[in-house]
């Protein structure tokens, strides 16, 4: 099995993702596999009608789909199994604005997930606590080295992506949050190829 690849270049698709409840719904479906609007509402502290509306909107943009079984608000939803890549060079100003909004939401949600881990980590088995990690480093790299490092990390992550797909989940697994962020901390030293 392999994921379809979808390149996001449309501001409307990015705006569909750039909503706090829709970001939380996507996270919840990634974590749980599939849920009804009622189950999602209970988990997220909102109404089934609200979740149903946002799930239908995400479905119109191709991010979620109905799973088998159930009708109305009792029908389950799941993520569309696809690899999504945002192509920033193809975004117009509206798309870049939507991407900024999405990035801000993702950053807030990431901080929330990290705080939740630190709050609850003692409740996890010792091996899981030992396996979880965070790495911080400041490296001095050329732009070509950044691309090389980015691609190497993505290649390793891709080897595990399909194992986490809802249709491939196995006993003993847990959803693992992985975020790789590489950004310059200041302008490069003069004299490089990209000055």
C-alpha atoms as a PDB file:
ATOM      1  CA  UNK A   1       0.000   0.000   0.000  1.00  0.00           C
ATOM      2  CA  UNK A   2       1.238   3.524  -0.719  1.00  0.00           C
ATOM      3  CA  UNK A   3      -0.261   6.921  -0.071  1.00  0.00           C
ATOM      4  CA  UNK A   4      -1.527   9.129  -2.833  1.00  0.00           C
ATOM      5  CA  UNK A   5       0.481  12.320  -3.082  1.00  0.00           C
ATOM      6  CA  UNK A   6      -1.403  15.576  -3.003  1.00  0.00           C
ATOM      7  CA  UNK A   7       0.218  18.947  -3.557  1.00  0.00           C
ATOM      8  CA  UNK A   8      -1.681  21.798  -1.927  1.00  0.00           C
ATOM      9  CA  UNK A   9      -1.499  24.999  -3.921  1.00  0.00           C
ATOM     10  CA  UNK A  10      -5.059  26.280  -3.551  1.00  0.00           C
ATOM     11  CA  UNK A  11      -5.896  28.988  -0.991  1.00  0.00           C
ATOM     12  CA  UNK A  12      -9.403  27.549  -0.520  1.00  0.00           C
ATOM     13  CA  UNK A  13      -7.995  24.150   0.515  1.00  0.00           C
ATOM     14  CA  UNK A  14      -5.565  25.827   2.913  1.00  0.00           C
ATOM     15  CA  UNK A  15      -8.352  27.992   4.359  1.00  0.00           C
ATOM     16  CA  UNK A  16     -10.386  24.813   4.920  1.00  0.00           C
ATOM     17  CA  UNK A  17      -7.538  23.534   7.090  1.00  0.00           C
ATOM     18  CA  UNK A  18      -6.917  26.907   8.801  1.00  0.00           C
ATOM     19  CA  UNK A  19      -9.646  26.670  11.406  1.00  0.00           C
ATOM     20  CA  UNK A  20      -9.058  25.701  15.050  1.00  0.00           C
ATOM     21  CA  UNK A  21     -11.803  23.067  15.246  1.00  0.00           C
ATOM     22  CA  UNK A  22     -10.891  21.550  11.873  1.00  0.00           C
ATOM     23  CA  UNK A  23      -7.229  21.279  12.934  1.00  0.00           C
ATOM     24  CA  UNK A  24      -8.345  19.525  16.129  1.00  0.00           C
ATOM     25  CA  UNK A  25     -10.673  17.217  14.155  1.00  0.00           C
ATOM     26  CA  UNK A  26      -7.833  16.236  11.829  1.00  0.00           C
ATOM     27  CA  UNK A  27      -5.559  15.565  14.819  1.00  0.00           C
ATOM     28  CA  UNK A  28      -8.277  13.519  16.504  1.00  0.00           C
ATOM     29  CA  UNK A  29      -8.883  11.395  13.399  1.00  0.00           C
ATOM     30  CA  UNK A  30      -5.126  10.894  12.979  1.00  0.00           C
ATOM     31  CA  UNK A  31      -4.948   9.712  16.579  1.00  0.00           C
ATOM     32  CA  UNK A  32      -8.095   7.571  16.755  1.00  0.00           C
ATOM     33  CA  UNK A  33      -8.533   6.312  13.189  1.00  0.00           C
ATOM     34  CA  UNK A  34     -12.220   6.983  12.729  1.00  0.00           C
ATOM     35  CA  UNK A  35     -14.952   8.663  14.745  1.00  0.00           C
ATOM     36  CA  UNK A  36     -18.524   9.815  14.379  1.00  0.00           C
ATOM     37  CA  UNK A  37     -19.399  13.491  14.715  1.00  0.00           C
ATOM     38  CA  UNK A  38     -20.972  12.651  18.079  1.00  0.00           C
ATOM     39  CA  UNK A  39     -17.814  10.929  19.347  1.00  0.00           C
ATOM     40  CA  UNK A  40     -15.658  13.801  18.082  1.00  0.00           C
ATOM     41  CA  UNK A  41     -17.955  16.333  19.753  1.00  0.00           C
ATOM     42  CA  UNK A  42     -17.645  14.548  23.090  1.00  0.00           C
ATOM     43  CA  UNK A  43     -13.860  14.482  22.800  1.00  0.00           C
ATOM     44  CA  UNK A  44     -13.571  18.116  21.675  1.00  0.00           C
ATOM     45  CA  UNK A  45     -16.205  19.642  23.921  1.00  0.00           C
ATOM     46  CA  UNK A  46     -18.525  20.912  21.202  1.00  0.00           C
ATOM     47  CA  UNK A  47     -21.782  19.807  19.561  1.00  0.00           C
ATOM     48  CA  UNK A  48     -22.288  16.943  17.099  1.00  0.00           C
ATOM     49  CA  UNK A  49     -23.864  19.435  14.648  1.00  0.00           C
ATOM     50  CA  UNK A  50     -20.746  21.613  14.778  1.00  0.00           C
ATOM     51  CA  UNK A  51     -18.430  18.643  14.215  1.00  0.00           C
ATOM     52  CA  UNK A  52     -20.660  17.308  11.442  1.00  0.00           C
ATOM     53  CA  UNK A  53     -20.552  20.665   9.626  1.00  0.00           C
ATOM     54  CA  UNK A  54     -16.748  20.873   9.821  1.00  0.00           C
ATOM     55  CA  UNK A  55     -16.267  17.224   8.841  1.00  0.00           C
ATOM     56  CA  UNK A  56     -18.453  17.734   5.754  1.00  0.00           C
ATOM     57  CA  UNK A  57     -16.417  20.828   4.831  1.00  0.00           C
ATOM     58  CA  UNK A  58     -13.147  18.912   5.220  1.00  0.00           C
ATOM     59  CA  UNK A  59     -14.649  16.149   3.046  1.00  0.00           C
ATOM     60  CA  UNK A  60     -15.539  18.654   0.295  1.00  0.00           C
ATOM     61  CA  UNK A  61     -11.855  19.611   0.222  1.00  0.00           C
ATOM     62  CA  UNK A  62     -10.715  15.978   0.145  1.00  0.00           C
ATOM     63  CA  UNK A  63      -9.102  15.728   3.606  1.00  0.00           C
ATOM     64  CA  UNK A  64     -11.590  13.345   5.268  1.00  0.00           C
ATOM     65  CA  UNK A  65     -14.110  10.826   4.016  1.00  0.00           C
ATOM     66  CA  UNK A  66     -16.994   8.769   5.326  1.00  0.00           C
ATOM     67  CA  UNK A  67     -16.016   5.376   6.632  1.00  0.00           C
ATOM     68  CA  UNK A  68     -18.269   2.335   6.334  1.00  0.00           C
ATOM     69  CA  UNK A  69     -21.278   1.997   8.619  1.00  0.00           C
ATOM     70  CA  UNK A  70     -23.696   4.354  10.315  1.00  0.00           C
ATOM     71  CA  UNK A  71     -25.977   7.077   9.007  1.00  0.00           C
ATOM     72  CA  UNK A  72     -26.356  10.783   9.720  1.00  0.00           C
ATOM     73  CA  UNK A  73     -24.320  11.950  12.687  1.00  0.00           C
ATOM     74  CA  UNK A  74     -23.659   8.324  13.581  1.00  0.00           C
ATOM     75  CA  UNK A  75     -21.657   7.651  10.429  1.00  0.00           C
ATOM     76  CA  UNK A  76     -17.933   7.395  11.107  1.00  0.00           C
ATOM     77  CA  UNK A  77     -15.345   9.628   9.427  1.00  0.00           C
ATOM     78  CA  UNK A  78     -11.676   8.987   8.714  1.00  0.00           C
ATOM     79  CA  UNK A  79      -8.740  10.825   7.205  1.00  0.00           C
ATOM     80  CA  UNK A  80      -8.103  10.351   3.521  1.00  0.00           C
ATOM     81  CA  UNK A  81      -4.884   8.351   3.383  1.00  0.00           C
ATOM     82  CA  UNK A  82      -2.639  10.623   1.397  1.00  0.00           C
ATOM     83  CA  UNK A  83       0.662  12.383   1.698  1.00  0.00           C
ATOM     84  CA  UNK A  84       0.077  16.129   1.632  1.00  0.00           C
ATOM     85  CA  UNK A  85       2.718  18.615   0.591  1.00  0.00           C
ATOM     86  CA  UNK A  86       2.204  22.370   0.576  1.00  0.00           C
ATOM     87  CA  UNK A  87       3.984  23.913  -2.399  1.00  0.00           C
ATOM     88  CA  UNK A  88       4.737  27.443  -1.198  1.00  0.00           C
ATOM     89  CA  UNK A  89       6.257  28.641  -4.462  1.00  0.00           C
ATOM     90  CA  UNK A  90       2.889  28.042  -6.181  1.00  0.00           C
ATOM     91  CA  UNK A  91       0.818  29.986  -3.632  1.00  0.00           C
ATOM     92  CA  UNK A  92      -0.661  33.377  -4.406  1.00  0.00           C
ATOM     93  CA  UNK A  93      -0.891  36.067  -1.649  1.00  0.00           C
ATOM     94  CA  UNK A  94      -4.235  34.645  -0.433  1.00  0.00           C
ATOM     95  CA  UNK A  95      -2.709  31.191  -0.252  1.00  0.00           C
ATOM     96  CA  UNK A  96       0.321  32.481   1.659  1.00  0.00           C
ATOM     97  CA  UNK A  97      -2.009  34.223   4.104  1.00  0.00           C
ATOM     98  CA  UNK A  98      -3.949  30.982   4.616  1.00  0.00           C
ATOM     99  CA  UNK A  99      -0.671  29.100   5.104  1.00  0.00           C
ATOM    100  CA  UNK A 100       0.448  31.587   7.775  1.00  0.00           C
ATOM    101  CA  UNK A 101      -2.862  31.082   9.606  1.00  0.00           C
ATOM    102  CA  UNK A 102      -2.477  27.301   9.368  1.00  0.00           C
ATOM    103  CA  UNK A 103       1.134  27.431  10.589  1.00  0.00           C
ATOM    104  CA  UNK A 104       0.095  29.524  13.593  1.00  0.00           C
ATOM    105  CA  UNK A 105      -2.684  27.054  14.459  1.00  0.00           C
ATOM    106  CA  UNK A 106      -0.349  24.103  14.116  1.00  0.00           C
ATOM    107  CA  UNK A 107       2.228  25.802  16.348  1.00  0.00           C
ATOM    108  CA  UNK A 108      -0.364  26.463  19.068  1.00  0.00           C
ATOM    109  CA  UNK A 109      -1.629  22.884  18.833  1.00  0.00           C
ATOM    110  CA  UNK A 110       1.938  21.532  18.996  1.00  0.00           C
ATOM    111  CA  UNK A 111       2.583  23.525  22.164  1.00  0.00           C
ATOM    112  CA  UNK A 112      -0.649  22.120  23.623  1.00  0.00           C
ATOM    113  CA  UNK A 113       0.359  18.535  22.787  1.00  0.00           C
ATOM    114  CA  UNK A 114       3.816  19.045  24.314  1.00  0.00           C
ATOM    115  CA  UNK A 115       2.323  20.500  27.497  1.00  0.00           C
ATOM    116  CA  UNK A 116      -0.091  17.547  27.681  1.00  0.00           C
ATOM    117  CA  UNK A 117       2.815  15.095  27.341  1.00  0.00           C
ATOM    118  CA  UNK A 118       4.787  16.778  30.115  1.00  0.00           C
ATOM    119  CA  UNK A 119       1.682  16.805  32.321  1.00  0.00           C
ATOM    120  CA  UNK A 120       0.828  13.119  31.801  1.00  0.00           C
ATOM    121  CA  UNK A 121       4.127  11.403  30.994  1.00  0.00           C
ATOM    122  CA  UNK A 122       4.408   9.749  34.423  1.00  0.00           C
ATOM    123  CA  UNK A 123       1.229   7.826  33.572  1.00  0.00           C
ATOM    124  CA  UNK A 124       2.968   6.054  30.653  1.00  0.00           C
ATOM    125  CA  UNK A 125       4.922   2.805  30.987  1.00  0.00           C
ATOM    126  CA  UNK A 126       8.635   3.313  31.666  1.00  0.00           C
ATOM    127  CA  UNK A 127       9.726   2.054  28.225  1.00  0.00           C
ATOM    128  CA  UNK A 128       7.439   4.602  26.500  1.00  0.00           C
ATOM    129  CA  UNK A 129       8.782   7.417  28.707  1.00  0.00           C
ATOM    130  CA  UNK A 130      12.320   6.354  27.803  1.00  0.00           C
ATOM    131  CA  UNK A 131      11.543   6.094  24.091  1.00  0.00           C
ATOM    132  CA  UNK A 132      10.026   9.581  23.833  1.00  0.00           C
ATOM    133  CA  UNK A 133      12.590  12.243  23.046  1.00  0.00           C
ATOM    134  CA  UNK A 134      13.194  15.795  21.987  1.00  0.00           C
ATOM    135  CA  UNK A 135      16.319  17.004  20.238  1.00  0.00           C
ATOM    136  CA  UNK A 136      17.555  20.546  20.003  1.00  0.00           C
ATOM    137  CA  UNK A 137      20.564  21.701  18.044  1.00  0.00           C
ATOM    138  CA  UNK A 138      21.877  24.760  16.278  1.00  0.00           C
ATOM    139  CA  UNK A 139      23.839  23.684  13.221  1.00  0.00           C
ATOM    140  CA  UNK A 140      25.807  25.938  10.867  1.00  0.00           C
ATOM    141  CA  UNK A 141      24.929  24.676   7.400  1.00  0.00           C
ATOM    142  CA  UNK A 142      24.825  25.825   3.802  1.00  0.00           C
ATOM    143  CA  UNK A 143      21.460  25.867   2.068  1.00  0.00           C
ATOM    144  CA  UNK A 144      22.448  22.688   0.185  1.00  0.00           C
ATOM    145  CA  UNK A 145      23.234  20.954   3.481  1.00  0.00           C
ATOM    146  CA  UNK A 146      19.868  22.035   4.911  1.00  0.00           C
ATOM    147  CA  UNK A 147      18.119  20.493   1.896  1.00  0.00           C
ATOM    148  CA  UNK A 148      20.219  17.322   2.243  1.00  0.00           C
ATOM    149  CA  UNK A 149      19.388  17.027   5.961  1.00  0.00           C
ATOM    150  CA  UNK A 150      15.690  17.777   5.364  1.00  0.00           C
ATOM    151  CA  UNK A 151      15.432  15.142   2.639  1.00  0.00           C
ATOM    152  CA  UNK A 152      17.313  12.526   4.720  1.00  0.00           C
ATOM    153  CA  UNK A 153      15.022  13.059   7.722  1.00  0.00           C
ATOM    154  CA  UNK A 154      11.934  12.918   5.514  1.00  0.00           C
ATOM    155  CA  UNK A 155      13.143   9.679   3.950  1.00  0.00           C
ATOM    156  CA  UNK A 156      13.434   8.081   7.395  1.00  0.00           C
ATOM    157  CA  UNK A 157      10.002   9.390   8.473  1.00  0.00           C
ATOM    158  CA  UNK A 158       8.416   8.145   5.231  1.00  0.00           C
ATOM    159  CA  UNK A 159       9.504   4.586   6.064  1.00  0.00           C
ATOM    160  CA  UNK A 160       7.139   4.702   9.043  1.00  0.00           C
ATOM    161  CA  UNK A 161       4.253   6.773   7.647  1.00  0.00           C
ATOM    162  CA  UNK A 162       2.310   3.894   6.114  1.00  0.00           C
ATOM    163  CA  UNK A 163       2.578   1.853   9.313  1.00  0.00           C
ATOM    164  CA  UNK A 164       0.549   4.562  11.058  1.00  0.00           C
ATOM    165  CA  UNK A 165      -2.250   4.652   8.508  1.00  0.00           C
ATOM    166  CA  UNK A 166      -5.596   3.704  10.072  1.00  0.00           C
ATOM    167  CA  UNK A 167      -5.808   0.624   7.869  1.00  0.00           C
ATOM    168  CA  UNK A 168      -2.330  -0.539   8.956  1.00  0.00           C
ATOM    169  CA  UNK A 169      -2.467  -0.057  12.747  1.00  0.00           C
ATOM    170  CA  UNK A 170      -1.149  -2.880  14.895  1.00  0.00           C
ATOM    171  CA  UNK A 171      -1.511  -3.899  18.535  1.00  0.00           C
ATOM    172  CA  UNK A 172       0.906  -2.133  20.870  1.00  0.00           C
ATOM    173  CA  UNK A 173       1.180   1.034  18.798  1.00  0.00           C
ATOM    174  CA  UNK A 174       0.537   4.585  19.969  1.00  0.00           C
ATOM    175  CA  UNK A 175       0.183   7.771  17.906  1.00  0.00           C
ATOM    176  CA  UNK A 176       3.556   9.543  17.897  1.00  0.00           C
ATOM    177  CA  UNK A 177       3.855  13.269  17.241  1.00  0.00           C
ATOM    178  CA  UNK A 178       6.883  14.056  15.095  1.00  0.00           C
ATOM    179  CA  UNK A 179       7.708  17.593  14.062  1.00  0.00           C
ATOM    180  CA  UNK A 180      10.866  18.615  12.257  1.00  0.00           C
ATOM    181  CA  UNK A 181      11.500  22.303  11.965  1.00  0.00           C
ATOM    182  CA  UNK A 182      14.559  23.805  10.294  1.00  0.00           C
ATOM    183  CA  UNK A 183      14.861  27.548   9.859  1.00  0.00           C
ATOM    184  CA  UNK A 184      17.698  30.047   9.677  1.00  0.00           C
ATOM    185  CA  UNK A 185      18.227  32.069  12.858  1.00  0.00           C
ATOM    186  CA  UNK A 186      19.741  34.975  10.939  1.00  0.00           C
ATOM    187  CA  UNK A 187      20.836  35.874   7.403  1.00  0.00           C
ATOM    188  CA  UNK A 188      23.758  33.738   6.065  1.00  0.00           C
ATOM    189  CA  UNK A 189      27.365  34.944   6.266  1.00  0.00           C
ATOM    190  CA  UNK A 190      28.364  36.906   3.157  1.00  0.00           C
ATOM    191  CA  UNK A 191      30.251  35.167   0.382  1.00  0.00           C
ATOM    192  CA  UNK A 192      27.989  32.179  -0.146  1.00  0.00           C
ATOM    193  CA  UNK A 193      26.354  31.198  -3.418  1.00  0.00           C
ATOM    194  CA  UNK A 194      22.930  32.511  -2.355  1.00  0.00           C
ATOM    195  CA  UNK A 195      23.847  36.085  -1.314  1.00  0.00           C
END
